[in-house]
Amino acid sequence: MPRVKNESPEQIVPTHREPTHREPTHGDAGKQSPPIAILVNGASSSGKTTFCRALQERLTHLSDGSHETAFARVAFDDVVLLMSDRLYPISFVKLQGGDLSRLVSRAPHDGRAGWEYVDESGAVGKHGGSPRLRLVLNPHGDRLLSGVHRSWGAHLGLGTNLIIDHFLQDAAWADDVLDVLQRVGATVFCVGVFCSLEELERRESSRGDGGVEGRPLGLARRSDELCHSHPIDYQVTVATDRQTTAESVESVVAALQHAGLMNPGRQAGSRTLAIRGAAAG
């Protein structure tokens, strides 16, 4: 699979690189355009989810009701939603003020929890400092993530375009999802979400609100060192601390247009979305 060095975090202008694409090996590819997978990657607290929701809203508006050009939104966090909350780690539930007595895990890092936050403050990284936490899945969590990736491939195989809100902390996770997307014949359009460390940590500290969005301090710092360390070829990058959400979304729309994946059309005097020749309905 194509694996080219990613852009510098300072680059926030659309790079207009060609998205990776391979014709499907099943079905009648001559009659139906390949589905599009917009793969969004960034550190914890970088604003990926807010951006992905706004991007889906914008693309839905442009598609004007066409089922051919609609985008569904999926996410790395789907793994947590599939997992019993009794498998949550002690540190995570304690952060939320939850009931620790319900948990299967009896002590931190005893292998029972679906994932843990491991302190890697001593590891080499561009930020350094402490704490620096890495999210580590147990075998059950690893299988769920692999299954989630394959479920996304199934959706794409049925012709559904996807916006994928991902957290590619580990190279193995990046390799697995890219392999799934390319094997199913999707056109893969990668978006890198960047943010300054200062803003990442400010957002992280404000997320400990007792909800599922809570994050332990140190995950943003370490994940910012890791998520963009893999050779992912971003078609466009955004900087959520320097661009508004609307500006970030429009930069991706412009890059999609430049790549020929989205073309402005006219229907009843309005701007509609046409993807790879599909008629907007």
Protein backbone atom coordinates (compact mmCIF):
# COMPACT_ATOMS: atom_id res chain seq x y z
CA MET A 1 0.00 0.00 0.00
CA PRO A 2 1.26 3.55 -0.60
CA ARG A 3 2.97 4.81 2.55
CA VAL A 4 4.56 8.25 2.14
CA LYS A 5 5.92 10.51 4.84
CA ASN A 6 3.23 12.78 6.33
CA GLU A 7 3.23 16.56 6.21
CA SER A 8 4.79 18.81 8.81
CA PRO A 9 2.46 19.82 11.67
CA GLU A 10 2.97 23.43 10.58
CA GLN A 11 1.30 22.78 7.21
CA ILE A 12 -2.34 23.80 7.38
CA VAL A 13 -2.95 24.53 3.69
CA PRO A 14 -4.51 21.72 1.61
CA THR A 15 -1.72 19.69 0.03
CA HIS A 16 -3.89 18.51 -2.87
CA ARG A 17 -2.24 15.12 -3.12
CA GLU A 18 -3.99 12.42 -5.02
CA PRO A 19 -5.96 10.05 -2.75
CA THR A 20 -5.06 6.38 -2.80
CA HIS A 21 -7.41 4.26 -4.83
CA ARG A 22 -7.69 0.76 -6.24
CA GLU A 23 -10.58 -0.54 -8.32
CA PRO A 24 -12.83 -2.98 -6.42
CA THR A 25 -12.21 -6.65 -7.09
CA HIS A 26 -15.88 -7.51 -6.65
CA GLY A 27 -19.12 -6.31 -8.24
CA ASP A 28 -19.47 -4.26 -11.38
CA ALA A 29 -16.94 -1.48 -10.89
CA GLY A 30 -17.78 -0.11 -14.32
CA LYS A 31 -21.28 0.89 -13.21
CA GLN A 32 -20.67 2.14 -9.68
CA SER A 33 -17.96 4.50 -8.49
CA PRO A 34 -15.79 3.28 -5.60
CA PRO A 35 -16.87 4.49 -2.15
CA ILE A 36 -14.88 7.22 -0.44
CA ALA A 37 -13.28 6.81 2.98
CA ILE A 38 -12.25 10.14 4.56
CA LEU A 39 -9.77 8.95 7.20
CA VAL A 40 -9.28 11.62 9.88
CA ASN A 41 -6.37 11.14 12.28
CA GLY A 42 -5.21 13.20 15.23
CA ALA A 43 -4.19 13.16 18.87
CA SER A 44 -6.56 12.94 21.79
CA SER A 45 -8.28 16.32 22.41
CA SER A 46 -7.22 17.64 18.98
CA GLY A 47 -10.83 18.33 18.00
CA LYS A 48 -11.33 15.40 15.60
CA THR A 49 -14.87 14.59 16.67
CA THR A 50 -16.10 18.17 16.47
CA PHE A 51 -14.47 18.49 13.06
CA CYS A 52 -15.89 15.17 11.78
CA ARG A 53 -19.41 16.07 12.88
CA ALA A 54 -19.17 19.44 11.14
CA LEU A 55 -17.72 17.83 8.00
CA GLN A 56 -20.56 15.33 7.86
CA GLU A 57 -23.06 18.16 8.30
CA ARG A 58 -21.47 20.12 5.46
CA LEU A 59 -21.28 17.15 3.08
CA THR A 60 -24.87 16.22 3.89
CA HIS A 61 -25.94 19.75 2.99
CA LEU A 62 -24.03 19.56 -0.29
CA SER A 63 -25.40 16.12 -1.16
CA ASP A 64 -28.94 17.52 -0.94
CA GLY A 65 -30.50 14.17 -0.04
CA SER A 66 -28.67 12.00 -2.56
CA HIS A 67 -28.14 8.49 -1.17
CA GLU A 68 -25.19 8.09 -3.57
CA THR A 69 -23.23 10.95 -2.01
CA ALA A 70 -24.22 10.70 1.66
CA PHE A 71 -21.49 10.11 4.26
CA ALA A 72 -21.87 8.08 7.45
CA ARG A 73 -19.60 8.86 10.41
CA VAL A 74 -17.78 6.15 12.38
CA ALA A 75 -15.09 6.39 15.04
CA PHE A 76 -12.33 4.72 17.03
CA ASP A 77 -14.49 5.29 20.10
CA ASP A 78 -16.95 2.73 18.69
CA VAL A 79 -14.68 0.17 20.37
CA VAL A 80 -15.58 1.60 23.79
CA LEU A 81 -19.30 1.57 22.93
CA LEU A 82 -19.10 -2.13 22.03
CA MET A 83 -17.36 -3.02 25.28
CA SER A 84 -19.12 -3.71 28.56
CA ASP A 85 -18.59 -0.82 30.97
CA ARG A 86 -17.51 -3.39 33.53
CA LEU A 87 -14.36 -3.79 31.43
CA TYR A 88 -13.43 -0.12 31.72
CA PRO A 89 -10.12 0.53 33.52
CA ILE A 90 -10.10 1.69 37.11
CA SER A 91 -8.31 4.94 36.23
CA PHE A 92 -10.98 5.85 33.66
CA VAL A 93 -13.95 5.11 35.92
CA LYS A 94 -12.32 6.91 38.84
CA LEU A 95 -11.91 9.98 36.61
CA GLN A 96 -15.64 9.86 35.93
CA GLY A 97 -16.52 9.36 39.58
CA GLY A 98 -18.07 5.97 38.77
CA ASP A 99 -18.65 2.85 40.85
CA LEU A 100 -15.35 0.93 41.02
CA SER A 101 -17.01 -2.08 42.67
CA ARG A 102 -18.71 -2.99 39.37
CA LEU A 103 -15.44 -3.40 37.52
CA VAL A 104 -13.94 -6.73 36.55
CA SER A 105 -10.48 -5.26 37.08
CA ARG A 106 -9.32 -5.56 40.69
CA ALA A 107 -6.16 -3.47 40.38
CA PRO A 108 -4.70 -1.18 37.72
CA HIS A 109 -2.89 -3.04 34.95
CA ASP A 110 -4.00 -6.50 36.08
CA GLY A 111 -4.88 -7.43 32.49
CA ARG A 112 -8.63 -7.61 33.10
CA ALA A 113 -9.63 -4.20 31.76
CA GLY A 114 -10.33 -3.72 28.07
CA TRP A 115 -7.67 -1.02 27.94
CA GLU A 116 -5.27 0.79 30.25
CA TYR A 117 -3.36 4.06 30.25
CA VAL A 118 0.35 3.29 30.52
CA ASP A 119 2.78 5.97 31.68
CA GLU A 120 5.53 6.44 29.09
CA SER A 121 7.04 9.57 30.58
CA GLY A 122 10.51 8.08 30.15
CA ALA A 123 10.08 7.38 26.44
CA VAL A 124 11.71 9.41 23.69
CA GLY A 125 9.33 11.97 22.17
CA LYS A 126 9.22 15.48 20.73
CA HIS A 127 7.49 16.92 23.79
CA GLY A 128 9.00 15.01 26.67
CA GLY A 129 7.73 15.85 30.11
CA SER A 130 5.38 14.06 32.45
CA PRO A 131 2.85 12.60 32.56
CA ARG A 132 2.73 11.08 29.08
CA LEU A 133 0.16 8.31 28.79
CA ARG A 134 -0.37 5.73 26.06
CA LEU A 135 -3.65 3.90 25.55
CA VAL A 136 -3.00 0.14 25.45
CA LEU A 137 -5.75 -2.31 24.46
CA ASN A 138 -5.91 -5.81 25.92
CA PRO A 139 -6.48 -8.77 23.52
CA HIS A 140 -10.26 -8.33 23.75
CA GLY A 141 -9.91 -4.65 22.87
CA ASP A 142 -7.53 -5.47 20.01
CA ARG A 143 -10.04 -7.92 18.54
CA LEU A 144 -12.83 -5.37 18.85
CA LEU A 145 -10.76 -2.73 17.04
CA SER A 146 -9.91 -5.17 14.24
CA GLY A 147 -13.58 -6.08 13.99
CA VAL A 148 -14.63 -2.43 13.91
CA HIS A 149 -12.18 -1.81 11.06
CA ARG A 150 -13.68 -4.72 9.14
CA SER A 151 -17.21 -3.50 9.77
CA TRP A 152 -16.21 -0.20 8.18
CA GLY A 153 -14.94 -2.19 5.21
CA ALA A 154 -18.33 -3.93 5.00
CA HIS A 155 -20.12 -0.57 4.89
CA LEU A 156 -17.79 0.64 2.16
CA GLY A 157 -18.28 -2.62 0.28
CA LEU A 158 -22.01 -1.88 0.22
CA GLY A 159 -21.27 1.52 -1.33
CA THR A 160 -21.54 3.74 1.77
CA ASN A 161 -19.10 6.65 1.94
CA LEU A 162 -17.51 7.07 5.38
CA ILE A 163 -15.97 9.79 7.52
CA ILE A 164 -13.68 7.90 9.91
CA ASP A 165 -12.84 9.66 13.18
CA HIS A 166 -9.68 7.75 14.14
CA PHE A 167 -6.93 7.83 16.74
CA LEU A 168 -3.98 6.16 14.98
CA GLN A 169 -1.73 6.07 18.00
CA ASP A 170 -0.13 2.74 17.02
CA ALA A 171 1.44 1.91 13.66
CA ALA A 172 -0.33 -1.48 13.73
CA TRP A 173 -3.71 0.28 13.96
CA ALA A 174 -2.83 2.47 10.98
CA ASP A 175 -1.64 -0.51 8.94
CA ASP A 176 -4.76 -2.51 9.75
CA VAL A 177 -7.32 0.15 8.87
CA LEU A 178 -5.52 1.20 5.67
CA ASP A 179 -5.29 -2.43 4.59
CA VAL A 180 -9.04 -2.90 5.14
CA LEU A 181 -9.95 0.29 3.29
CA GLN A 182 -7.75 -0.50 0.32
CA ARG A 183 -8.72 -4.17 0.07
CA VAL A 184 -12.38 -3.21 -0.23
CA GLY A 185 -11.51 -0.89 -3.10
CA ALA A 186 -12.32 2.42 -1.43
CA THR A 187 -10.81 5.72 -2.45
CA VAL A 188 -8.91 6.74 0.70
CA PHE A 189 -8.65 10.45 1.47
CA CYS A 190 -6.53 11.15 4.57
CA VAL A 191 -6.90 14.23 6.77
CA GLY A 192 -4.39 15.09 9.50
CA VAL A 193 -5.72 17.05 12.48
CA PHE A 194 -3.04 19.05 14.30
CA CYS A 195 -3.14 21.28 17.36
CA SER A 196 -0.57 22.99 19.57
CA LEU A 197 0.44 21.13 22.72
CA GLU A 198 -0.69 24.05 24.88
CA GLU A 199 -4.20 23.93 23.44
CA LEU A 200 -4.33 20.11 23.53
CA GLU A 201 -3.60 20.13 27.24
CA ARG A 202 -6.02 22.96 27.94
CA ARG A 203 -8.80 20.99 26.25
CA GLU A 204 -7.76 17.78 27.97
CA SER A 205 -7.93 19.36 31.41
CA SER A 206 -11.45 20.62 30.71
CA ARG A 207 -12.77 17.18 29.68
CA GLY A 208 -12.80 15.54 33.10
CA ASP A 209 -16.50 16.26 33.43
CA GLY A 210 -17.72 12.87 34.58
CA GLY A 211 -18.83 11.85 31.10
CA VAL A 212 -17.48 9.35 28.62
CA GLU A 213 -15.50 12.20 27.04
CA GLY A 214 -13.27 12.44 30.10
CA ARG A 215 -9.55 11.85 29.45
CA PRO A 216 -6.63 11.41 31.86
CA LEU A 217 -3.97 14.10 31.83
CA GLY A 218 -0.99 13.06 29.73
CA LEU A 219 -2.84 11.21 26.95
CA ALA A 220 -2.90 14.27 24.68
CA ARG A 221 0.83 14.95 25.14
CA ARG A 222 1.91 11.39 24.37
CA SER A 223 -0.61 10.73 21.59
CA ASP A 224 0.48 13.92 19.83
CA GLU A 225 3.95 12.41 19.68
CA LEU A 226 2.64 9.15 18.25
CA CYS A 227 -0.40 9.74 16.02
CA HIS A 228 1.49 11.60 13.32
CA SER A 229 4.72 9.57 13.56
CA HIS A 230 3.51 6.97 11.05
CA PRO A 231 4.06 7.45 7.29
CA ILE A 232 0.49 8.43 6.46
CA ASP A 233 0.11 10.47 3.28
CA TYR A 234 -2.32 13.26 4.19
CA GLN A 235 -4.22 14.83 1.33
CA VAL A 236 -4.92 17.82 3.58
CA THR A 237 -4.07 18.92 7.12
CA VAL A 238 -5.94 21.23 9.47
CA ALA A 239 -4.87 23.03 12.64
CA THR A 240 -7.77 23.29 15.06
CA ASP A 241 -6.03 25.82 17.30
CA ARG A 242 -5.54 28.25 14.38
CA GLN A 243 -8.54 27.54 12.18
CA THR A 244 -12.21 27.65 13.05
CA THR A 245 -14.16 24.45 12.56
CA ALA A 246 -15.84 25.98 9.52
CA GLU A 247 -12.47 26.94 8.00
CA SER A 248 -11.14 23.42 8.57
CA VAL A 249 -14.21 21.89 6.95
CA GLU A 250 -14.01 24.19 3.92
CA SER A 251 -10.33 23.36 3.41
CA VAL A 252 -11.25 19.68 3.18
CA VAL A 253 -14.16 20.41 0.83
CA ALA A 254 -11.75 22.37 -1.39
CA ALA A 255 -9.25 19.50 -1.34
CA LEU A 256 -11.98 17.00 -2.24
CA GLN A 257 -12.91 19.21 -5.16
CA HIS A 258 -9.29 19.53 -6.25
CA ALA A 259 -8.91 15.73 -6.16
CA GLY A 260 -11.99 15.36 -8.36
CA LEU A 261 -13.91 13.53 -5.65
CA MET A 262 -16.48 16.26 -5.16
CA ASN A 263 -17.76 18.63 -7.79
CA PRO A 264 -20.17 21.54 -7.38
CA GLY A 265 -23.40 20.87 -9.28
CA ARG A 266 -26.57 22.76 -9.87
CA GLN A 267 -30.03 21.58 -9.03
CA ALA A 268 -33.03 23.83 -8.56
CA GLY A 269 -30.63 26.78 -8.29
CA SER A 270 -28.67 25.31 -5.37
CA ARG A 271 -25.17 23.91 -4.99
CA THR A 272 -25.19 20.12 -4.69
CA LEU A 273 -22.57 17.45 -4.29
CA ALA A 274 -21.47 15.10 -7.04
CA ILE A 275 -18.98 12.40 -6.13
CA ARG A 276 -16.93 10.73 -8.86
CA GLY A 277 -19.65 11.28 -11.43
CA ALA A 278 -22.59 10.19 -9.28
CA ALA A 279 -25.72 12.28 -9.89
CA ALA A 280 -26.86 14.31 -6.95
CA GLY A 281 -30.45 13.51 -6.08
